[in-house]
Amino acid sequence: MLSHRLIRSAGAFLVLGVAIGIYMGVAQDFRFVHVHVHINLLGWTALGLAGLLYAVYPHLQRGWLPAAHYWLHTVG
């Protein structure tokens, strides 16, 4: 199901965002703070909320638009 794929992808973005944050904190190198924020906000938060929305309202997963939403959001 699309909702499960969205939530799993959001979890992957969470792990990646936390890893970048830990690296920046340990190395005191904050050049990639914008990447860290982008991955956490759009990757983890927005993708996770979309996954929960599709899980609560499964009829929204029908058609080609939800699949396009997933791929455009993930690649973007």
N, C-alpha and C. Protein backbone atom coordinates (compact mmCIF):
# COMPACT_ATOMS: atom_id res chain seq x y z
N MET A 1 0.83 -1.19 0.00
CA MET A 1 0.00 0.00 0.00
C MET A 1 0.87 1.25 0.00
N LEU A 2 0.32 2.28 -0.58
CA LEU A 2 1.06 3.53 -0.70
C LEU A 2 1.33 4.16 0.66
N SER A 3 0.37 4.06 1.57
CA SER A 3 0.57 4.68 2.89
C SER A 3 1.75 4.04 3.62
N HIS A 4 1.90 2.73 3.51
CA HIS A 4 3.03 2.05 4.15
C HIS A 4 4.35 2.47 3.51
N ARG A 5 4.35 2.63 2.19
CA ARG A 5 5.58 3.05 1.50
C ARG A 5 5.95 4.47 1.91
N LEU A 6 4.97 5.35 2.05
CA LEU A 6 5.24 6.72 2.48
C LEU A 6 5.81 6.75 3.89
N ILE A 7 5.24 5.98 4.79
CA ILE A 7 5.71 5.97 6.17
C ILE A 7 7.10 5.36 6.28
N ARG A 8 7.37 4.29 5.52
CA ARG A 8 8.73 3.72 5.52
C ARG A 8 9.75 4.70 4.96
N SER A 9 9.38 5.41 3.89
CA SER A 9 10.29 6.41 3.33
C SER A 9 10.52 7.54 4.31
N ALA A 10 9.48 7.94 5.03
CA ALA A 10 9.63 8.99 6.04
C ALA A 10 10.59 8.53 7.13
N GLY A 11 10.51 7.27 7.52
CA GLY A 11 11.45 6.73 8.51
C GLY A 11 12.88 6.75 8.01
N ALA A 12 13.08 6.44 6.73
CA ALA A 12 14.42 6.49 6.15
C ALA A 12 14.95 7.93 6.15
N PHE A 13 14.08 8.89 5.81
CA PHE A 13 14.50 10.29 5.85
C PHE A 13 14.80 10.74 7.27
N LEU A 14 14.07 10.22 8.25
CA LEU A 14 14.35 10.55 9.65
C LEU A 14 15.75 10.08 10.04
N VAL A 15 16.07 8.84 9.71
CA VAL A 15 17.40 8.31 10.04
C VAL A 15 18.49 9.14 9.36
N LEU A 16 18.28 9.47 8.09
CA LEU A 16 19.27 10.27 7.36
C LEU A 16 19.41 11.67 7.97
N GLY A 17 18.29 12.31 8.29
CA GLY A 17 18.34 13.65 8.87
C GLY A 17 19.01 13.67 10.24
N VAL A 18 18.73 12.67 11.06
CA VAL A 18 19.36 12.59 12.38
C VAL A 18 20.86 12.33 12.24
N ALA A 19 21.23 11.47 11.29
CA ALA A 19 22.66 11.18 11.07
C ALA A 19 23.40 12.45 10.64
N ILE A 20 22.81 13.23 9.76
CA ILE A 20 23.45 14.47 9.34
C ILE A 20 23.55 15.44 10.53
N GLY A 21 22.50 15.51 11.34
CA GLY A 21 22.52 16.38 12.51
C GLY A 21 23.58 15.97 13.52
N ILE A 22 23.71 14.67 13.74
CA ILE A 22 24.74 14.19 14.66
C ILE A 22 26.13 14.50 14.12
N TYR A 23 26.33 14.29 12.82
CA TYR A 23 27.63 14.61 12.21
C TYR A 23 27.95 16.09 12.39
N MET A 24 26.98 16.95 12.11
CA MET A 24 27.23 18.39 12.23
C MET A 24 27.56 18.77 13.67
N GLY A 25 26.86 18.17 14.62
CA GLY A 25 27.12 18.49 16.02
C GLY A 25 28.48 18.02 16.49
N VAL A 26 28.86 16.81 16.09
CA VAL A 26 30.14 16.26 16.52
C VAL A 26 31.30 17.01 15.86
N ALA A 27 31.17 17.26 14.57
CA ALA A 27 32.26 17.90 13.83
C ALA A 27 32.24 19.43 13.96
N GLN A 28 31.17 19.99 14.55
CA GLN A 28 31.01 21.45 14.62
C GLN A 28 31.15 22.08 13.23
N ASP A 29 30.59 21.39 12.23
CA ASP A 29 30.62 21.82 10.84
C ASP A 29 29.17 21.98 10.40
N PHE A 30 28.70 23.22 10.33
CA PHE A 30 27.29 23.48 10.08
C PHE A 30 27.03 23.97 8.65
N ARG A 31 27.87 23.56 7.73
CA ARG A 31 27.68 23.95 6.33
C ARG A 31 26.43 23.33 5.73
N PHE A 32 26.03 22.18 6.21
CA PHE A 32 24.91 21.45 5.62
C PHE A 32 23.64 21.55 6.46
N VAL A 33 23.49 22.63 7.21
CA VAL A 33 22.31 22.77 8.04
C VAL A 33 21.05 22.88 7.19
N HIS A 34 21.14 23.50 6.02
CA HIS A 34 19.97 23.62 5.16
C HIS A 34 19.55 22.25 4.62
N VAL A 35 20.50 21.37 4.36
CA VAL A 35 20.18 20.01 3.92
C VAL A 35 19.52 19.24 5.05
N HIS A 36 20.05 19.39 6.25
CA HIS A 36 19.50 18.74 7.43
C HIS A 36 18.04 19.16 7.65
N VAL A 37 17.78 20.46 7.59
CA VAL A 37 16.43 20.97 7.81
C VAL A 37 15.49 20.51 6.70
N HIS A 38 15.94 20.55 5.47
CA HIS A 38 15.12 20.13 4.32
C HIS A 38 14.74 18.66 4.43
N ILE A 39 15.69 17.82 4.76
CA ILE A 39 15.42 16.38 4.89
C ILE A 39 14.46 16.12 6.05
N ASN A 40 14.67 16.79 7.17
CA ASN A 40 13.78 16.55 8.32
C ASN A 40 12.38 17.10 8.10
N LEU A 41 12.26 18.31 7.57
CA LEU A 41 10.95 18.92 7.42
C LEU A 41 10.16 18.30 6.27
N LEU A 42 10.75 18.25 5.10
CA LEU A 42 10.02 17.75 3.94
C LEU A 42 10.08 16.23 3.83
N GLY A 43 11.20 15.65 4.22
CA GLY A 43 11.33 14.21 4.11
C GLY A 43 10.62 13.47 5.22
N TRP A 44 10.91 13.82 6.43
CA TRP A 44 10.35 13.10 7.57
C TRP A 44 8.94 13.59 7.90
N THR A 45 8.77 14.86 8.14
CA THR A 45 7.50 15.37 8.63
C THR A 45 6.41 15.33 7.56
N ALA A 46 6.65 15.95 6.42
CA ALA A 46 5.61 16.03 5.39
C ALA A 46 5.28 14.66 4.81
N LEU A 47 6.29 13.84 4.56
CA LEU A 47 6.05 12.51 3.99
C LEU A 47 5.34 11.63 5.01
N GLY A 48 5.70 11.74 6.27
CA GLY A 48 5.02 10.97 7.31
C GLY A 48 3.57 11.38 7.48
N LEU A 49 3.30 12.68 7.44
CA LEU A 49 1.92 13.14 7.54
C LEU A 49 1.10 12.71 6.34
N ALA A 50 1.69 12.74 5.16
CA ALA A 50 0.97 12.26 3.97
C ALA A 50 0.68 10.77 4.09
N GLY A 51 1.62 10.00 4.61
CA GLY A 51 1.40 8.57 4.81
C GLY A 51 0.28 8.31 5.80
N LEU A 52 0.24 9.08 6.87
CA LEU A 52 -0.85 8.93 7.84
C LEU A 52 -2.19 9.34 7.24
N LEU A 53 -2.19 10.37 6.42
CA LEU A 53 -3.41 10.80 5.77
C LEU A 53 -3.95 9.71 4.84
N TYR A 54 -3.06 9.10 4.06
CA TYR A 54 -3.47 8.01 3.17
C TYR A 54 -3.90 6.78 3.96
N ALA A 55 -3.33 6.56 5.13
CA ALA A 55 -3.73 5.41 5.95
C ALA A 55 -5.12 5.62 6.55
N VAL A 56 -5.43 6.84 6.97
CA VAL A 56 -6.72 7.12 7.57
C VAL A 56 -7.82 7.17 6.51
N TYR A 57 -7.50 7.70 5.34
CA TYR A 57 -8.46 7.80 4.23
C TYR A 57 -7.95 6.98 3.05
N PRO A 58 -8.11 5.67 3.08
CA PRO A 58 -7.54 4.82 2.03
C PRO A 58 -8.10 5.07 0.64
N HIS A 59 -9.28 5.66 0.54
CA HIS A 59 -9.83 5.93 -0.79
C HIS A 59 -9.02 6.99 -1.54
N LEU A 60 -8.19 7.75 -0.84
CA LEU A 60 -7.34 8.75 -1.48
C LEU A 60 -6.17 8.13 -2.24
N GLN A 61 -5.93 6.84 -2.03
CA GLN A 61 -4.80 6.17 -2.67
C GLN A 61 -5.12 5.68 -4.08
N ARG A 62 -6.33 5.87 -4.54
CA ARG A 62 -6.73 5.38 -5.86
C ARG A 62 -6.27 6.34 -6.95
N GLY A 63 -5.93 5.76 -8.09
CA GLY A 63 -5.56 6.57 -9.24
C GLY A 63 -4.06 6.76 -9.36
N TRP A 64 -3.69 7.55 -10.35
CA TRP A 64 -2.26 7.77 -10.63
C TRP A 64 -1.68 8.93 -9.83
N LEU A 65 -2.52 9.84 -9.37
CA LEU A 65 -2.02 11.03 -8.69
C LEU A 65 -1.30 10.73 -7.37
N PRO A 66 -1.79 9.82 -6.52
CA PRO A 66 -1.04 9.51 -5.29
C PRO A 66 0.33 8.91 -5.57
N ALA A 67 0.44 8.06 -6.59
CA ALA A 67 1.75 7.50 -6.94
C ALA A 67 2.69 8.60 -7.43
N ALA A 68 2.15 9.53 -8.22
CA ALA A 68 2.96 10.66 -8.67
C ALA A 68 3.37 11.52 -7.48
N HIS A 69 2.48 11.70 -6.52
CA HIS A 69 2.80 12.45 -5.31
C HIS A 69 3.99 11.83 -4.59
N TYR A 70 3.93 10.50 -4.43
CA TYR A 70 5.02 9.81 -3.73
C TYR A 70 6.35 10.02 -4.46
N TRP A 71 6.38 9.74 -5.75
CA TRP A 71 7.65 9.81 -6.48
C TRP A 71 8.17 11.23 -6.60
N LEU A 72 7.32 12.20 -6.86
CA LEU A 72 7.78 13.58 -6.96
C LEU A 72 8.27 14.12 -5.62
N HIS A 73 7.58 13.75 -4.56
CA HIS A 73 7.99 14.21 -3.23
C HIS A 73 9.30 13.55 -2.82
N THR A 74 9.45 12.27 -3.07
CA THR A 74 10.65 11.56 -2.65
C THR A 74 11.87 12.00 -3.45
N VAL A 75 11.73 12.12 -4.74
CA VAL A 75 12.87 12.52 -5.59
C VAL A 75 13.20 13.98 -5.38
N GLY A 76 12.16 14.80 -5.19
CA GLY A 76 12.37 16.23 -5.01
C GLY A 76 13.06 16.54 -3.73
